[in-house]
C-alpha cells in the first residue's frame, strides 16, 4: 500500500511539473506578443532601446525580483500594474524575454 501511495504522489508530482513546464513553454512562445501588446507602447525597440516613455530593458541591472514586482504592481506615475491582467507564467516569461534581449 505504501509503495502505491508513494507512486501516486510521484506520478502527480511529475504530471504537475510537466503541466507547469508546458504552461511556461507556451508563455515563452507568447512572450513576444505579450511584450508587444502590453509593454511595447512604452519600451521602444522591443525593450532594446531607450527613448520611449519607459527605459531600455536590455542589459538591465535591476534584479529579477525587482522586475517581477514592477510588472505585477507597477509604479505610481511611471508604469501601470499588470498583475491583474497577466498570470505568473506570463510574468515570468516576460522576465525571461527581457533577460534574453540581444541587439537586433
N, C-alpha and C. Protein backbone atom coordinates (compact mmCIF):
# COMPACT_ATOMS: atom_id res chain seq x y z
N UNK A 1 0.83 -1.20 0.00
CA UNK A 1 0.00 0.00 0.00
C UNK A 1 0.87 1.26 0.00
N UNK A 2 1.89 1.26 0.81
CA UNK A 2 2.76 2.42 0.91
C UNK A 2 3.45 2.73 -0.41
N UNK A 3 3.90 1.68 -1.09
CA UNK A 3 4.57 1.88 -2.37
C UNK A 3 3.62 2.48 -3.40
N UNK A 4 2.39 1.99 -3.45
CA UNK A 4 1.46 2.53 -4.43
C UNK A 4 1.08 3.97 -4.10
N UNK A 5 0.97 4.29 -2.84
CA UNK A 5 0.67 5.66 -2.44
C UNK A 5 1.84 6.58 -2.83
N UNK A 6 3.05 6.10 -2.58
CA UNK A 6 4.23 6.88 -2.95
C UNK A 6 4.29 7.04 -4.47
N UNK A 7 3.99 5.98 -5.19
CA UNK A 7 3.98 6.05 -6.66
C UNK A 7 2.96 7.06 -7.15
N UNK A 8 1.80 7.09 -6.49
CA UNK A 8 0.76 8.05 -6.86
C UNK A 8 1.25 9.47 -6.65
N UNK A 9 1.89 9.75 -5.51
CA UNK A 9 2.43 11.09 -5.26
C UNK A 9 3.48 11.46 -6.29
N UNK A 10 4.35 10.52 -6.63
CA UNK A 10 5.38 10.79 -7.63
C UNK A 10 4.76 11.06 -8.99
N UNK A 11 3.74 10.28 -9.36
CA UNK A 11 3.08 10.49 -10.63
C UNK A 11 2.42 11.86 -10.69
N UNK A 12 1.68 12.22 -9.63
CA UNK A 12 1.04 13.54 -9.62
C UNK A 12 2.08 14.65 -9.62
N UNK A 13 3.18 14.44 -8.93
CA UNK A 13 4.25 15.44 -8.94
C UNK A 13 4.84 15.59 -10.32
N UNK A 14 5.04 14.47 -11.01
CA UNK A 14 5.59 14.51 -12.36
C UNK A 14 4.61 15.19 -13.32
N UNK A 15 3.34 14.80 -13.25
CA UNK A 15 2.32 15.39 -14.13
C UNK A 15 2.20 16.89 -13.85
N UNK A 16 2.16 17.26 -12.58
CA UNK A 16 2.07 18.67 -12.22
C UNK A 16 3.26 19.46 -12.73
N UNK A 17 4.45 18.87 -12.60
CA UNK A 17 5.67 19.53 -13.08
C UNK A 17 5.62 19.66 -14.60
N UNK A 18 5.17 18.60 -15.30
CA UNK A 18 5.09 18.63 -16.76
C UNK A 18 4.09 19.69 -17.21
N UNK A 19 2.96 19.80 -16.52
CA UNK A 19 1.97 20.82 -16.88
C UNK A 19 2.53 22.22 -16.64
N UNK A 20 3.26 22.39 -15.56
CA UNK A 20 3.87 23.70 -15.27
C UNK A 20 4.89 24.05 -16.34
N UNK A 21 5.69 23.06 -16.75
CA UNK A 21 6.68 23.32 -17.81
C UNK A 21 5.98 23.64 -19.13
N UNK A 22 4.88 22.93 -19.43
CA UNK A 22 4.13 23.20 -20.66
C UNK A 22 3.55 24.61 -20.63
N UNK A 23 3.03 25.01 -19.48
CA UNK A 23 2.47 26.35 -19.34
C UNK A 23 3.56 27.40 -19.52
N UNK A 24 4.73 27.17 -18.92
CA UNK A 24 5.85 28.11 -19.05
C UNK A 24 6.34 28.16 -20.49
N UNK A 25 6.40 27.00 -21.15
CA UNK A 25 6.85 26.96 -22.55
C UNK A 25 5.88 27.74 -23.44
N UNK A 26 4.58 27.57 -23.21
CA UNK A 26 3.60 28.31 -24.00
C UNK A 26 3.72 29.81 -23.73
N UNK A 27 3.91 30.18 -22.47
CA UNK A 27 4.06 31.60 -22.12
C UNK A 27 5.31 32.18 -22.78
N UNK A 28 6.40 31.40 -22.84
CA UNK A 28 7.61 31.87 -23.52
C UNK A 28 7.34 32.12 -25.00
N UNK A 29 6.58 31.22 -25.62
CA UNK A 29 6.24 31.41 -27.04
C UNK A 29 5.43 32.68 -27.24
N UNK A 30 4.59 32.98 -26.28
CA UNK A 30 3.72 34.15 -26.37
C UNK A 30 4.38 35.43 -25.85
N UNK A 31 5.57 35.31 -25.26
CA UNK A 31 6.20 36.47 -24.60
C UNK A 31 6.40 37.65 -25.55
N UNK A 32 6.79 37.37 -26.77
CA UNK A 32 7.00 38.47 -27.73
C UNK A 32 5.68 39.20 -27.97
N UNK A 33 4.61 38.45 -28.17
CA UNK A 33 3.30 39.08 -28.38
C UNK A 33 2.83 39.81 -27.14
N UNK A 34 3.04 39.20 -25.99
CA UNK A 34 2.65 39.84 -24.72
C UNK A 34 3.42 41.15 -24.58
N UNK A 35 4.73 41.09 -24.82
CA UNK A 35 5.55 42.29 -24.69
C UNK A 35 5.07 43.38 -25.65
N UNK A 36 4.89 43.00 -26.91
CA UNK A 36 4.50 43.99 -27.91
C UNK A 36 3.15 44.62 -27.59
N UNK A 37 2.21 43.85 -27.10
CA UNK A 37 0.87 44.39 -26.85
C UNK A 37 0.72 45.03 -25.48
N UNK A 38 1.60 44.69 -24.56
CA UNK A 38 1.47 45.21 -23.19
C UNK A 38 2.56 46.21 -22.85
N UNK A 39 3.78 45.91 -23.22
CA UNK A 39 4.93 46.71 -22.79
C UNK A 39 5.50 47.59 -23.90
N UNK A 40 5.32 47.15 -25.12
CA UNK A 40 5.94 47.82 -26.26
C UNK A 40 5.48 49.24 -26.50
N UNK A 41 4.37 49.62 -25.91
CA UNK A 41 3.90 51.01 -26.06
C UNK A 41 4.89 51.98 -25.44
N UNK A 42 5.54 51.56 -24.38
CA UNK A 42 6.44 52.46 -23.65
C UNK A 42 7.91 52.09 -23.79
N UNK A 43 8.20 50.81 -23.96
CA UNK A 43 9.59 50.33 -24.06
C UNK A 43 9.90 50.09 -25.53
N UNK A 44 10.67 50.99 -26.12
CA UNK A 44 10.92 51.00 -27.57
C UNK A 44 11.82 49.86 -28.02
N UNK A 45 11.66 49.52 -29.30
CA UNK A 45 12.53 48.51 -29.92
C UNK A 45 12.44 47.15 -29.26
N UNK A 46 11.27 46.79 -28.77
CA UNK A 46 11.13 45.51 -28.09
C UNK A 46 11.86 45.48 -26.76
N UNK A 47 12.11 46.64 -26.19
CA UNK A 47 12.84 46.74 -24.92
C UNK A 47 14.33 46.96 -25.10
N UNK A 48 14.78 47.02 -26.36
CA UNK A 48 16.20 47.14 -26.66
C UNK A 48 16.70 48.58 -26.69
N UNK A 49 15.80 49.54 -26.75
CA UNK A 49 16.22 50.93 -26.96
C UNK A 49 15.65 51.86 -25.90
N UNK A 50 16.41 52.88 -25.63
CA UNK A 50 15.92 53.97 -24.79
C UNK A 50 15.15 54.91 -25.70
N UNK A 51 14.33 55.73 -25.14
CA UNK A 51 13.68 56.71 -25.97
C UNK A 51 12.20 56.83 -25.75
N UNK A 52 11.50 55.79 -25.54
CA UNK A 52 10.06 55.89 -25.33
C UNK A 52 9.77 56.46 -23.95
N UNK A 53 8.59 56.20 -23.48
CA UNK A 53 8.22 56.63 -22.14
C UNK A 53 8.98 55.81 -21.10
N UNK A 54 9.13 54.50 -21.38
CA UNK A 54 9.82 53.60 -20.45
C UNK A 54 11.28 53.45 -20.80
N UNK A 55 12.08 52.98 -19.86
CA UNK A 55 13.52 52.83 -20.09
C UNK A 55 13.85 51.61 -20.96
N UNK A 56 15.07 51.58 -21.44
CA UNK A 56 15.62 50.42 -22.13
C UNK A 56 15.66 49.27 -21.13
N UNK A 57 15.27 48.09 -21.54
CA UNK A 57 15.26 46.92 -20.66
C UNK A 57 16.41 45.96 -20.92
N UNK A 58 16.92 45.96 -22.13
CA UNK A 58 18.04 45.08 -22.46
C UNK A 58 19.23 45.43 -21.56
N UNK A 59 19.85 44.40 -21.00
CA UNK A 59 21.02 44.56 -20.12
C UNK A 59 20.69 45.32 -18.84
N UNK A 60 19.45 45.25 -18.38
CA UNK A 60 19.06 45.94 -17.15
C UNK A 60 19.84 45.40 -15.96
N UNK A 61 20.27 46.29 -15.10
CA UNK A 61 20.98 45.88 -13.89
C UNK A 61 20.01 45.61 -12.73
N UNK A 62 18.72 45.84 -12.96
CA UNK A 62 17.71 45.57 -11.93
C UNK A 62 17.64 44.08 -11.66
N UNK A 63 17.33 43.70 -10.41
CA UNK A 63 17.21 42.29 -10.05
C UNK A 63 15.96 41.68 -10.66
N UNK A 64 15.96 40.36 -10.78
CA UNK A 64 14.78 39.67 -11.28
C UNK A 64 13.57 39.99 -10.41
N UNK A 65 13.77 39.98 -9.11
CA UNK A 65 12.67 40.26 -8.18
C UNK A 65 12.11 41.67 -8.40
N UNK A 66 12.98 42.63 -8.63
CA UNK A 66 12.53 44.00 -8.89
C UNK A 66 11.67 44.03 -10.15
N UNK A 67 12.14 43.38 -11.22
CA UNK A 67 11.41 43.40 -12.48
C UNK A 67 10.07 42.70 -12.35
N UNK A 68 10.05 41.53 -11.71
CA UNK A 68 8.79 40.81 -11.50
C UNK A 68 7.81 41.66 -10.70
N UNK A 69 8.31 42.28 -9.65
CA UNK A 69 7.46 43.14 -8.81
C UNK A 69 6.94 44.34 -9.60
N UNK A 70 7.78 44.93 -10.42
CA UNK A 70 7.37 46.10 -11.20
C UNK A 70 6.30 45.71 -12.22
N UNK A 71 6.46 44.55 -12.86
CA UNK A 71 5.44 44.10 -13.81
C UNK A 71 4.12 43.87 -13.09
N UNK A 72 4.18 43.18 -11.95
CA UNK A 72 2.94 42.86 -11.21
C UNK A 72 2.27 44.11 -10.65
N UNK A 73 3.05 44.96 -9.99
CA UNK A 73 2.49 46.05 -9.20
C UNK A 73 2.64 47.43 -9.80
N UNK A 74 3.43 47.55 -10.85
CA UNK A 74 3.64 48.85 -11.47
C UNK A 74 4.36 49.81 -10.54
N UNK A 75 4.31 51.08 -10.90
CA UNK A 75 4.91 52.14 -10.11
C UNK A 75 4.09 53.40 -10.38
N UNK A 76 3.53 53.95 -9.34
CA UNK A 76 2.63 55.09 -9.50
C UNK A 76 3.27 56.21 -10.32
N UNK A 77 2.57 56.61 -11.35
CA UNK A 77 3.05 57.69 -12.22
C UNK A 77 4.10 57.27 -13.22
N UNK A 78 4.57 56.02 -13.14
CA UNK A 78 5.62 55.57 -14.06
C UNK A 78 5.19 54.39 -14.93
N UNK A 79 4.54 53.40 -14.29
CA UNK A 79 4.18 52.19 -15.02
C UNK A 79 2.93 51.59 -14.43
N UNK A 80 1.99 51.16 -15.29
CA UNK A 80 0.79 50.52 -14.75
C UNK A 80 1.10 49.12 -14.24
N UNK A 81 0.26 48.62 -13.36
CA UNK A 81 0.37 47.26 -12.84
C UNK A 81 -0.29 46.29 -13.81
N UNK A 82 0.38 45.19 -14.08
CA UNK A 82 -0.17 44.19 -14.99
C UNK A 82 -0.49 42.89 -14.29
N UNK A 83 -0.31 42.82 -12.98
CA UNK A 83 -0.57 41.60 -12.22
C UNK A 83 -2.00 41.13 -12.30
N UNK A 84 -2.93 42.03 -12.52
CA UNK A 84 -4.33 41.64 -12.65
C UNK A 84 -4.68 41.13 -14.04
N UNK A 85 -3.82 41.40 -15.02
CA UNK A 85 -4.09 41.00 -16.40
C UNK A 85 -3.24 39.82 -16.86
N UNK A 86 -2.10 39.62 -16.22
CA UNK A 86 -1.18 38.56 -16.62
C UNK A 86 -1.04 37.56 -15.49
N UNK A 87 -0.94 36.27 -15.85
CA UNK A 87 -0.72 35.26 -14.82
C UNK A 87 0.78 35.13 -14.53
N UNK A 88 1.13 34.34 -13.53
CA UNK A 88 2.54 34.20 -13.13
C UNK A 88 3.41 33.66 -14.26
N UNK A 89 2.89 32.70 -15.02
CA UNK A 89 3.69 32.14 -16.12
C UNK A 89 3.99 33.23 -17.16
N UNK A 90 3.02 34.07 -17.44
CA UNK A 90 3.23 35.15 -18.41
C UNK A 90 4.21 36.19 -17.87
N UNK A 91 4.11 36.51 -16.60
CA UNK A 91 5.02 37.49 -15.99
C UNK A 91 6.45 36.96 -15.99
N UNK A 92 6.62 35.69 -15.65
CA UNK A 92 7.96 35.10 -15.68
C UNK A 92 8.48 34.98 -17.12
N UNK A 93 7.59 34.74 -18.07
CA UNK A 93 8.00 34.71 -19.47
C UNK A 93 8.50 36.08 -19.91
N UNK A 94 7.83 37.13 -19.46
CA UNK A 94 8.30 38.49 -19.77
C UNK A 94 9.69 38.72 -19.19
N UNK A 95 9.92 38.26 -17.98
CA UNK A 95 11.25 38.39 -17.38
C UNK A 95 12.28 37.66 -18.23
N UNK A 96 11.99 36.42 -18.63
CA UNK A 96 12.93 35.67 -19.47
C UNK A 96 13.15 36.40 -20.81
N UNK A 97 12.08 36.94 -21.37
CA UNK A 97 12.20 37.71 -22.61
C UNK A 97 13.17 38.88 -22.40
N UNK A 98 12.98 39.62 -21.34
CA UNK A 98 13.84 40.78 -21.04
C UNK A 98 15.29 40.35 -20.86
N UNK A 99 15.50 39.27 -20.11
CA UNK A 99 16.86 38.80 -19.82
C UNK A 99 17.58 38.27 -21.05
N UNK A 100 16.82 37.85 -22.05
CA UNK A 100 17.44 37.29 -23.25
C UNK A 100 17.47 38.26 -24.43
N UNK A 101 17.15 39.51 -24.19
CA UNK A 101 17.19 40.50 -25.26
C UNK A 101 18.61 40.68 -25.78
N UNK A 102 18.73 40.70 -27.08
CA UNK A 102 20.02 40.94 -27.75
C UNK A 102 19.81 42.05 -28.76
N UNK A 103 20.85 42.78 -29.10
CA UNK A 103 20.70 43.82 -30.12
C UNK A 103 20.19 43.21 -31.43
N UNK A 104 19.38 43.98 -32.14
CA UNK A 104 18.86 43.47 -33.43
C UNK A 104 19.90 43.64 -34.51
